[in-house]
Amino acid sequence: MVSAIVGGNWGDEGKGKVTDLLAGDADIIIRFQGGANAGHTIINEYGKFALHLLPSGVFRKDVVNIIGQGVALDLSKLFAELDGLTSRGVPMPNILVSDRAQILMPYHVRLDELEEERLGAKSFGSTKSGIAPFYSDKYLKIGVQVGEMFDDEILMERLEKVCEIKNQMISALYNGASLLDPKEIFDEVIKYRERLEPMVTNIAYYLNDAMKAGKNILLEGQLGALKDTDNGIYPYVTSSSPLAGFATVGASIPPHAIEKIVTVVKSYSSAVGAGAFVSEIFGEEAEELRKRGGDCGEYGATTGRPRRMGWFDVVATKYGCMLHGTTDVALSLLDVLGYLDKIPVCTGYEIDGEVTDVFPCTPKLNKAKPVLTYLDGWKCDISGIRNYEDLPENARKYVEFVEEQLGYPVTMVSNGPKREDIIMRNVK
C-alpha cells in the first residue's frame, strides 16, 4: 500500500510525529520534495530531534529511507544530520538517494542570503537555505544531479559554466560581494562522494519492484498546501510543490498507486514567513498560544523564529485538503487549547463586505477578514488520554465541528508531543 502524509496549511502541522508513528507499519519512507528549509520535530525513546532532510523513518530499524529526486539535497546538512543522530545513540539508518536528485550547492545558499539582504523590508522571509536559487537552476537546466557527482570532467565543466553566469549576476546586483571560484566549489562538493556513493540508486525501479512485492510505502511531504508554488499564497510560497500529487514526480510513484492521503492540520494555526494569514492573532493573545504550542512552544524547527499564530482556519484548511485529495485528517495539538474558555474558529472570510468560504487568490486574500465562530472550551489537561470517548465532551465537540466544517474524516487526534500521544478514531 502507498500512503502520503502531507501538510494541510502553511507547514509546521506536526507531520513528523504522524509519519514517525505510521512508520511502524512502513517498509519504505520517501521524502519527495523540499530541502533543509523546514523541519519535522520528533520525540521518541532516543530523545527530541528536528529532522530537516532525512525521512522520519530513520528511527525505525527495518525501514528504508529514501531521498527522492524532488528534494533539494544539501550534502553538508544531510551528513551533519546523520552524524547528529548516530552521536546520540540512534542506529545508522538505511538511506537511499535518487541518482536523479539534484545537489543544493554552496552558491545557492550564498545567493539566497544576498537576495534577501538586497530586498530588505520587501523580502519573502526566506530561511536563507538556498531553496529558491536551487529550484531556479533546476528549471533553468543548469543544476547538478547526484549521478553527475562521480565524473570529475562533467562536474567541473558544469560548475565553470554556472559560476560564469552567477558571477555576472553577483557583479551586477550585489555590489562588493566576492565572486565564486568553481575549483573551490568542486573541492567542497567532492569531499562527500565517498559517503554518498553507497546510498545512490535508481529509485524509480527500486520503488516499482517494491510496489509489485506489496511493500508498505509512505510518501512524506514538507511544508503545507498553502506554500505550494502554483496553488498557494503566491509569491510567499516555497519553490516546490508540497501537494500529495507531486509525489508522483518527486518520488516516481504512479498516480493511481497512492491509496491513502493523510493530511495533518493543527487544532489552531501557525505560520513562518510573510504572506496572507487571515486568522492571525497578535500581542499577548498570540504570545500565550505560542508559548503553549507544541512541546516547547511555536518556534521554527529550522530557524528558531517565533511562528505567527492564529485560530483554526476552516477556509484555508478545507482548500488544502481539497488540493491534496485527502482521505484522512490528522488533527494535531488538540491539548494546547485546554486553557481557553472560548475557542475561536475562522469559518469564513469577509471580502469587500461579502462572506465566502472559498479560499481566493492573493489579491483578494490580502483583503480578507476572519469570520469567527466561538466554541466552548474544556478547561482541562487532556494529554495522555488514549480513547476518543474519554475526551471531555467539549473537546469532542471541537473535533466534530472541525470535521463537519471540513467535510473530511478526522481519523487521528494528537494530544501530546510523543509518538504514542495520538488517538486513533473510528469514523463511519
Protein backbone atom coordinates (compact mmCIF):
# COMPACT_ATOMS: atom_id res chain seq x y z
CA MET A 1 0.00 0.00 0.00
CA VAL A 2 1.21 3.51 -0.83
CA SER A 3 0.21 6.34 1.52
CA ALA A 4 1.12 10.02 1.64
CA ILE A 5 1.47 12.23 4.72
CA VAL A 6 1.24 15.92 3.90
CA GLY A 7 0.52 19.29 5.48
CA GLY A 8 -2.84 20.99 5.06
CA ASN A 9 -1.78 24.55 5.81
CA TRP A 10 1.42 26.60 6.00
CA GLY A 11 3.68 23.84 7.30
CA ASP A 12 4.68 23.01 10.90
CA GLU A 13 1.50 20.97 11.38
CA GLY A 14 3.15 18.02 13.14
CA LYS A 15 3.74 15.76 10.11
CA GLY A 16 6.97 14.34 11.52
CA LYS A 17 5.25 12.87 14.55
CA VAL A 18 2.48 11.31 12.46
CA THR A 19 5.00 9.88 10.00
CA ASP A 20 7.12 8.56 12.85
CA LEU A 21 4.05 6.79 14.27
CA LEU A 22 2.87 5.31 10.97
CA ALA A 23 6.42 4.31 10.11
CA GLY A 24 5.87 1.36 12.45
CA ASP A 25 3.90 -0.30 9.64
CA ALA A 26 6.02 1.01 6.76
CA ASP A 27 8.74 -0.72 4.79
CA ILE A 28 9.85 2.39 2.89
CA ILE A 29 9.55 6.13 3.60
CA ILE A 30 10.31 8.75 0.94
CA ARG A 31 10.91 12.48 1.14
CA PHE A 32 9.64 13.68 -2.23
CA GLN A 33 10.23 17.47 -2.27
CA GLY A 34 11.69 20.45 -0.45
CA GLY A 35 15.03 20.81 1.27
CA ALA A 36 16.55 21.64 4.63
CA ASN A 37 14.50 24.85 4.90
CA ALA A 38 11.91 23.28 7.21
CA GLY A 39 11.99 20.65 9.92
CA HIS A 40 9.95 17.87 11.45
CA THR A 41 10.17 17.62 15.25
CA ILE A 42 10.03 14.09 16.65
CA ILE A 43 10.14 12.88 20.26
CA ASN A 44 10.78 9.18 20.87
CA GLU A 45 12.83 6.80 23.02
CA TYR A 46 16.07 8.35 21.74
CA GLY A 47 15.11 11.93 22.66
CA LYS A 48 13.90 15.00 20.82
CA PHE A 49 15.02 15.56 17.23
CA ALA A 50 14.41 18.08 14.45
CA LEU A 51 14.77 16.38 11.07
CA HIS A 52 15.34 18.55 8.02
CA LEU A 53 16.35 16.36 5.07
CA LEU A 54 16.09 12.86 6.47
CA PRO A 55 12.76 11.00 6.20
CA SER A 56 11.00 10.45 9.51
CA GLY A 57 11.54 6.69 9.37
CA VAL A 58 15.21 6.96 10.37
CA PHE A 59 14.40 5.87 13.93
CA ARG A 60 12.91 2.57 12.73
CA LYS A 61 15.40 -0.25 12.32
CA ASP A 62 13.81 -2.07 9.40
CA VAL A 63 12.65 0.93 7.36
CA VAL A 64 14.33 2.01 4.11
CA ASN A 65 14.51 5.82 3.99
CA ILE A 66 14.67 7.39 0.53
CA ILE A 67 15.52 10.91 -0.59
CA GLY A 68 13.69 11.34 -3.89
CA GLN A 69 14.61 13.38 -6.94
CA GLY A 70 12.20 16.17 -5.99
CA VAL A 71 14.36 17.06 -2.97
CA ALA A 72 16.92 19.87 -2.82
CA LEU A 73 19.83 17.83 -1.50
CA ASP A 74 22.25 19.80 0.67
CA LEU A 75 25.03 17.26 1.25
CA SER A 76 26.66 19.09 4.15
CA LYS A 77 23.36 19.18 6.04
CA LEU A 78 22.49 15.59 5.12
CA PHE A 79 25.63 14.16 6.65
CA ALA A 80 25.61 16.55 9.61
CA GLU A 81 22.08 15.35 10.34
CA LEU A 82 23.09 11.69 10.06
CA ASP A 83 26.09 12.23 12.32
CA GLY A 84 23.88 14.07 14.81
CA LEU A 85 21.57 11.05 15.04
CA THR A 86 24.27 8.42 15.48
CA SER A 87 26.12 10.55 18.05
CA ARG A 88 23.01 10.36 20.22
CA GLY A 89 22.68 6.61 20.06
CA VAL A 90 20.37 6.22 17.07
CA PRO A 91 21.48 3.23 14.95
CA MET A 92 22.73 4.18 11.49
CA PRO A 93 19.57 4.25 9.33
CA ASN A 94 19.21 2.65 5.92
CA ILE A 95 19.36 5.59 3.47
CA LEU A 96 18.93 5.58 -0.30
CA VAL A 97 19.33 8.66 -2.52
CA SER A 98 17.91 9.04 -6.01
CA ASP A 99 20.59 9.32 -8.68
CA ARG A 100 18.36 11.99 -10.26
CA ALA A 101 18.14 14.17 -7.14
CA GLN A 102 19.97 17.47 -7.58
CA ILE A 103 22.63 18.95 -5.32
CA LEU A 104 21.98 22.19 -3.46
CA MET A 105 25.29 23.99 -3.88
CA PRO A 106 27.07 26.45 -1.55
CA TYR A 107 26.39 29.24 -4.07
CA HIS A 108 22.64 28.62 -3.78
CA VAL A 109 22.81 29.49 -0.08
CA ARG A 110 25.03 32.49 -0.77
CA LEU A 111 22.72 33.90 -3.45
CA ASP A 112 19.68 33.37 -1.21
CA GLU A 113 21.34 35.39 1.55
CA LEU A 114 22.44 38.17 -0.83
CA GLU A 115 18.98 38.50 -2.39
CA GLU A 116 17.14 38.64 0.94
CA GLU A 117 19.60 41.31 2.07
CA ARG A 118 19.05 43.28 -1.14
CA LEU A 119 15.26 43.12 -0.81
CA GLY A 120 15.37 44.31 2.79
CA ALA A 121 11.90 45.07 4.13
CA LYS A 122 10.36 43.64 0.94
CA SER A 123 11.98 40.21 1.39
CA PHE A 124 9.99 36.97 1.23
CA GLY A 125 11.00 35.78 4.68
CA SER A 126 13.30 33.10 3.25
CA THR A 127 15.09 30.72 5.59
CA LYS A 128 18.21 31.52 3.50
CA SER A 129 18.76 27.82 2.86
CA GLY A 130 19.26 28.28 -0.87
CA ILE A 131 15.93 26.76 -1.88
CA ALA A 132 14.69 29.33 -4.41
CA PRO A 133 18.06 29.65 -6.23
CA PHE A 134 18.33 25.83 -6.27
CA TYR A 135 14.96 25.27 -7.91
CA SER A 136 15.57 28.19 -10.28
CA ASP A 137 18.73 26.46 -11.51
CA LYS A 138 16.92 23.13 -11.75
CA TYR A 139 14.36 24.56 -14.16
CA LEU A 140 17.00 26.59 -15.99
CA LYS A 141 18.64 23.19 -16.56
CA ILE A 142 21.96 24.22 -15.01
CA GLY A 143 21.65 22.09 -11.86
CA VAL A 144 23.88 19.14 -10.92
CA GLN A 145 22.31 15.72 -10.50
CA VAL A 146 23.65 13.23 -7.97
CA GLY A 147 24.56 10.90 -10.83
CA GLU A 148 26.88 13.58 -12.25
CA MET A 149 28.79 13.88 -8.98
CA PHE A 150 31.06 10.96 -9.79
CA ASP A 151 32.51 12.24 -13.06
CA ASP A 152 35.16 14.90 -12.47
CA GLU A 153 35.09 16.23 -16.02
CA ILE A 154 31.30 16.64 -16.18
CA LEU A 155 31.13 18.16 -12.69
CA MET A 156 33.94 20.68 -13.25
CA GLU A 157 32.61 21.71 -16.66
CA ARG A 158 29.15 22.28 -15.19
CA LEU A 159 30.49 24.34 -12.27
CA GLU A 160 32.60 26.53 -14.53
CA LYS A 161 29.60 27.36 -16.70
CA VAL A 162 27.35 28.02 -13.72
CA CYS A 163 29.91 30.19 -11.93
CA GLU A 164 30.35 32.29 -15.06
CA ILE A 165 26.61 33.06 -15.04
CA LYS A 166 26.42 33.57 -11.27
CA ASN A 167 29.46 35.86 -11.15
CA GLN A 168 27.91 38.17 -13.72
CA MET A 169 24.76 38.27 -11.57
CA ILE A 170 26.75 38.95 -8.39
CA SER A 171 28.70 41.76 -10.05
CA ALA A 172 25.55 43.39 -11.40
CA LEU A 173 23.26 43.07 -8.38
CA TYR A 174 25.33 42.67 -5.24
CA ASN A 175 27.96 45.37 -5.27
CA GLY A 176 31.13 44.37 -3.43
CA ALA A 177 30.22 40.69 -2.91
CA SER A 178 33.08 38.29 -3.64
CA LEU A 179 32.87 36.14 -6.78
CA LEU A 180 32.55 32.34 -6.97
CA ASP A 181 35.55 30.07 -7.57
CA PRO A 182 34.47 26.88 -9.42
CA LYS A 183 37.50 24.90 -8.22
CA GLU A 184 36.77 25.81 -4.61
CA ILE A 185 33.15 24.65 -5.01
CA PHE A 186 34.32 21.46 -6.76
CA ASP A 187 36.62 20.62 -3.84
CA GLU A 188 33.82 21.27 -1.35
CA VAL A 189 31.34 19.03 -3.15
CA ILE A 190 33.55 16.02 -3.89
CA LYS A 191 34.53 15.52 -0.26
CA TYR A 192 31.07 13.96 0.25
CA ARG A 193 31.31 11.50 -2.65
CA GLU A 194 32.74 8.55 -0.75
CA ARG A 195 29.95 8.60 1.84
CA LEU A 196 27.26 9.31 -0.72
CA GLU A 197 28.09 6.69 -3.33
CA PRO A 198 26.81 3.56 -1.47
CA MET A 199 23.44 5.28 -1.00
CA VAL A 200 22.83 6.21 -4.63
CA THR A 201 20.34 4.19 -6.67
CA ASN A 202 17.69 4.46 -9.37
CA ILE A 203 14.66 4.77 -7.12
CA ALA A 204 12.08 4.53 -9.91
CA TYR A 205 12.95 0.88 -10.48
CA TYR A 206 13.50 0.25 -6.76
CA LEU A 207 10.02 1.52 -5.90
CA ASN A 208 8.39 -0.22 -8.85
CA ASP A 209 9.77 -3.54 -7.57
CA ALA A 210 8.69 -2.67 -4.01
CA MET A 211 5.11 -1.99 -5.09
CA LYS A 212 4.96 -5.27 -7.02
CA ALA A 213 6.17 -7.02 -3.87
CA GLY A 214 3.35 -5.45 -1.83
CA LYS A 215 5.57 -3.28 0.37
CA ASN A 216 4.05 -0.54 2.53
CA ILE A 217 5.35 2.81 1.27
CA LEU A 218 4.94 6.22 2.95
CA LEU A 219 5.41 9.44 1.00
CA GLU A 220 6.48 12.30 3.27
CA GLY A 221 5.89 15.89 2.27
CA GLN A 222 7.47 19.06 3.63
CA LEU A 223 5.64 22.30 4.47
CA GLY A 224 1.94 22.50 3.57
CA ALA A 225 -0.55 23.02 0.76
CA LEU A 226 -0.72 26.81 1.15
CA LYS A 227 3.01 27.03 0.40
CA ASP A 228 2.56 25.33 -2.97
CA THR A 229 4.10 27.37 -5.78
CA ASP A 230 1.06 27.16 -8.06
CA ASN A 231 -1.86 26.88 -5.65
CA GLY A 232 -0.63 28.65 -2.52
CA ILE A 233 -0.26 32.22 -1.20
CA TYR A 234 1.97 33.28 -4.09
CA PRO A 235 4.55 34.84 -4.03
CA TYR A 236 5.03 33.91 -0.36
CA VAL A 237 5.40 30.23 -1.15
CA THR A 238 8.11 27.62 -1.31
CA SER A 239 9.80 26.72 -4.61
CA SER A 240 8.45 23.19 -4.95
CA SER A 241 5.07 21.52 -4.60
CA PRO A 242 4.16 20.10 -1.15
CA LEU A 243 0.99 18.56 -2.58
CA ALA A 244 0.46 14.80 -2.44
CA GLY A 245 0.10 14.76 -6.22
CA PHE A 246 3.69 15.93 -6.66
CA ALA A 247 4.89 12.70 -5.05
CA THR A 248 4.20 11.05 -8.39
CA VAL A 249 7.05 13.19 -9.76
CA GLY A 250 9.34 13.70 -6.77
CA ALA A 251 9.25 10.03 -5.80
CA SER A 252 8.47 8.44 -9.19
CA ILE A 253 5.23 6.82 -7.99
CA PRO A 254 2.34 6.27 -10.44
CA PRO A 255 -0.69 8.48 -9.55
CA HIS A 256 -3.07 5.52 -9.22
CA ALA A 257 -0.76 3.83 -6.69
CA ILE A 258 -1.45 6.33 -3.89
CA GLU A 259 -4.37 4.88 -1.94
CA LYS A 260 -4.33 6.92 1.28
CA ILE A 261 -3.58 10.62 1.81
CA VAL A 262 -3.26 11.70 5.44
CA THR A 263 -3.43 15.48 5.72
CA VAL A 264 -2.06 16.82 9.00
CA VAL A 265 -3.62 20.04 10.32
CA LYS A 266 -3.22 21.86 13.61
CA SER A 267 -6.05 22.49 16.05
CA TYR A 268 -5.09 26.15 15.68
CA SER A 269 -2.92 27.86 13.05
CA SER A 270 0.70 28.92 12.81
CA ALA A 271 2.95 30.13 10.03
CA VAL A 272 6.56 31.16 9.43
CA GLY A 273 7.44 33.80 6.86
CA ALA A 274 5.50 36.54 5.13
CA GLY A 275 2.18 36.34 3.29
CA ALA A 276 -1.55 36.45 3.96
CA PHE A 277 -2.67 34.78 7.21
CA VAL A 278 -6.34 35.64 7.70
CA SER A 279 -6.93 34.19 11.19
CA GLU A 280 -3.72 35.67 12.64
CA ILE A 281 -3.73 36.98 16.21
CA PHE A 282 -1.27 39.36 17.82
CA GLY A 283 0.13 40.65 21.10
CA GLU A 284 -0.42 38.83 24.37
CA GLU A 285 -3.09 36.58 22.87
CA ALA A 286 -0.62 35.30 20.27
CA GLU A 287 2.25 35.01 22.73
CA GLU A 288 0.17 32.91 25.13
CA LEU A 289 -0.76 30.46 22.37
CA ARG A 290 2.83 30.46 21.07
CA LYS A 291 4.26 29.59 24.49
CA ARG A 292 1.77 26.75 24.99
CA GLY A 293 2.02 25.38 21.45
CA GLY A 294 3.93 22.21 20.59
CA ASP A 295 6.14 20.61 23.21
CA CYS A 296 8.43 23.63 23.63
CA GLY A 297 6.49 26.47 22.05
CA GLU A 298 5.85 27.56 18.49
CA TYR A 299 9.30 28.29 17.10
CA GLY A 300 10.61 27.12 13.73
CA ALA A 301 12.41 23.74 13.88
CA THR A 302 14.95 25.02 11.34
CA THR A 303 15.24 28.75 12.02
CA GLY A 304 14.14 29.08 15.64
CA ARG A 305 12.00 32.03 14.54
CA PRO A 306 8.79 32.62 16.53
CA ARG A 307 5.85 31.49 14.42
CA ARG A 308 2.93 33.72 13.57
CA MET A 309 -0.14 32.49 15.44
CA GLY A 310 -3.83 32.27 14.60
CA TRP A 311 -7.02 30.30 15.17
CA PHE A 312 -8.07 27.25 13.17
CA ASP A 313 -8.95 28.37 9.65
CA VAL A 314 -11.67 26.24 8.07
CA VAL A 315 -11.48 28.02 4.71
CA ALA A 316 -7.73 27.57 4.29
CA THR A 317 -7.71 24.03 5.66
CA LYS A 318 -10.61 22.80 3.55
CA TYR A 319 -8.83 24.20 0.49
CA GLY A 320 -5.61 22.39 1.45
CA CYS A 321 -7.45 19.10 1.98
CA MET A 322 -9.17 19.51 -1.38
CA LEU A 323 -5.88 20.10 -3.20
CA HIS A 324 -4.29 17.02 -1.64
CA GLY A 325 -7.22 14.70 -2.29
CA THR A 326 -7.39 13.94 1.43
CA THR A 327 -8.72 10.60 2.65
CA ASP A 328 -7.83 11.11 6.35
CA VAL A 329 -7.28 14.20 8.51
CA ALA A 330 -4.86 14.06 11.45
CA LEU A 331 -5.73 16.87 13.88
CA SER A 332 -2.65 17.75 15.91
CA LEU A 333 -2.02 19.58 19.19
CA LEU A 334 -5.58 19.49 20.47
CA ASP A 335 -4.24 19.51 24.04
CA VAL A 336 -2.77 23.00 23.56
CA LEU A 337 -6.24 24.59 23.53
CA GLY A 338 -7.17 23.36 27.01
CA TYR A 339 -6.55 26.75 28.63
CA LEU A 340 -9.29 28.62 26.72
CA ASP A 341 -12.82 29.40 27.94
CA LYS A 342 -13.96 30.06 24.38
CA ILE A 343 -12.16 28.80 21.27
CA PRO A 344 -12.48 30.90 18.11
CA VAL A 345 -12.62 29.14 14.73
CA CYS A 346 -12.40 31.02 11.44
CA THR A 347 -15.34 29.67 9.42
CA GLY A 348 -15.45 32.26 6.64
CA TYR A 349 -13.74 35.26 5.05
CA GLU A 350 -15.29 38.69 4.64
CA ILE A 351 -14.01 40.31 1.44
CA ASP A 352 -15.39 43.66 0.28
CA GLY A 353 -18.43 43.23 2.52
CA GLU A 354 -19.30 39.70 1.35
CA VAL A 355 -18.72 36.48 3.28
CA THR A 356 -17.24 33.50 1.44
CA ASP A 357 -15.94 30.03 2.23
CA VAL A 358 -13.77 29.98 -0.91
CA PHE A 359 -10.01 30.40 -0.49
CA PRO A 360 -9.19 33.14 -3.03
CA CYS A 361 -6.09 34.19 -4.94
CA THR A 362 -3.62 36.55 -3.29
CA PRO A 363 -5.07 40.00 -4.17
CA LYS A 364 -8.45 39.08 -2.64
CA LEU A 365 -6.84 37.09 0.17
CA ASN A 366 -4.94 40.19 1.28
CA LYS A 367 -8.27 41.96 1.84
CA ALA A 368 -9.94 39.10 3.73
CA LYS A 369 -11.09 39.46 7.33
CA PRO A 370 -11.89 36.41 9.50
CA VAL A 371 -15.46 35.45 10.32
CA LEU A 372 -15.22 33.72 13.70
CA THR A 373 -17.39 31.11 15.39
CA TYR A 374 -16.83 30.52 19.11
CA LEU A 375 -16.93 27.08 20.72
CA ASP A 376 -16.89 26.29 24.44
CA GLY A 377 -13.54 25.16 25.79
CA TRP A 378 -12.92 22.14 28.04
CA LYS A 379 -10.61 23.85 30.53
CA CYS A 380 -8.50 20.83 31.49
CA ASP A 381 -5.41 18.87 30.50
CA ILE A 382 -6.29 16.11 28.03
CA SER A 383 -2.77 14.87 27.37
CA GLY A 384 -2.37 11.16 27.96
CA ILE A 385 -5.93 10.25 27.00
CA ARG A 386 -5.86 7.35 24.54
CA ASN A 387 -9.53 6.74 23.76
CA TYR A 388 -11.63 9.28 21.92
CA GLU A 389 -14.67 8.59 24.09
CA ASP A 390 -12.64 9.58 27.17
CA LEU A 391 -12.05 13.12 25.93
CA PRO A 392 -14.17 15.85 27.60
CA GLU A 393 -17.43 16.48 25.80
CA ASN A 394 -16.38 19.93 24.57
CA ALA A 395 -13.11 18.57 23.21
CA ARG A 396 -15.07 16.00 21.20
CA LYS A 397 -17.46 18.73 20.06
CA TYR A 398 -14.48 20.75 18.82
CA VAL A 399 -13.11 17.80 16.82
CA GLU A 400 -16.52 17.01 15.36
CA PHE A 401 -17.18 20.66 14.49
CA VAL A 402 -13.88 20.82 12.61
CA GLU A 403 -14.68 17.55 10.83
CA GLU A 404 -18.15 18.73 9.81
CA GLN A 405 -16.84 22.07 8.56
CA LEU A 406 -14.03 20.45 6.54
CA GLY A 407 -16.05 17.61 5.09
CA TYR A 408 -13.15 15.17 5.54
CA PRO A 409 -12.90 12.49 8.26
CA VAL A 410 -10.70 13.21 11.28
CA THR A 411 -9.25 9.76 11.94
CA MET A 412 -6.34 10.80 14.18
CA VAL A 413 -6.23 13.27 17.07
CA SER A 414 -2.87 14.21 18.56
CA ASN A 415 -2.94 15.28 22.19
CA GLY A 416 0.71 15.41 23.23
CA PRO A 417 4.29 15.59 21.88
CA LYS A 418 5.26 11.90 21.98
CA ARG A 419 4.83 9.22 19.33
CA GLU A 420 2.15 7.43 21.34
CA ASP A 421 0.14 10.61 22.09
CA ILE A 422 -2.29 10.01 19.25
CA ILE A 423 -5.91 8.89 19.47
CA MET A 424 -6.98 6.68 16.57
CA ARG A 425 -10.59 7.49 15.82
CA ASN A 426 -13.05 5.23 14.03
CA VAL A 427 -15.12 7.27 11.61
CA LYS A 428 -18.10 5.69 9.86
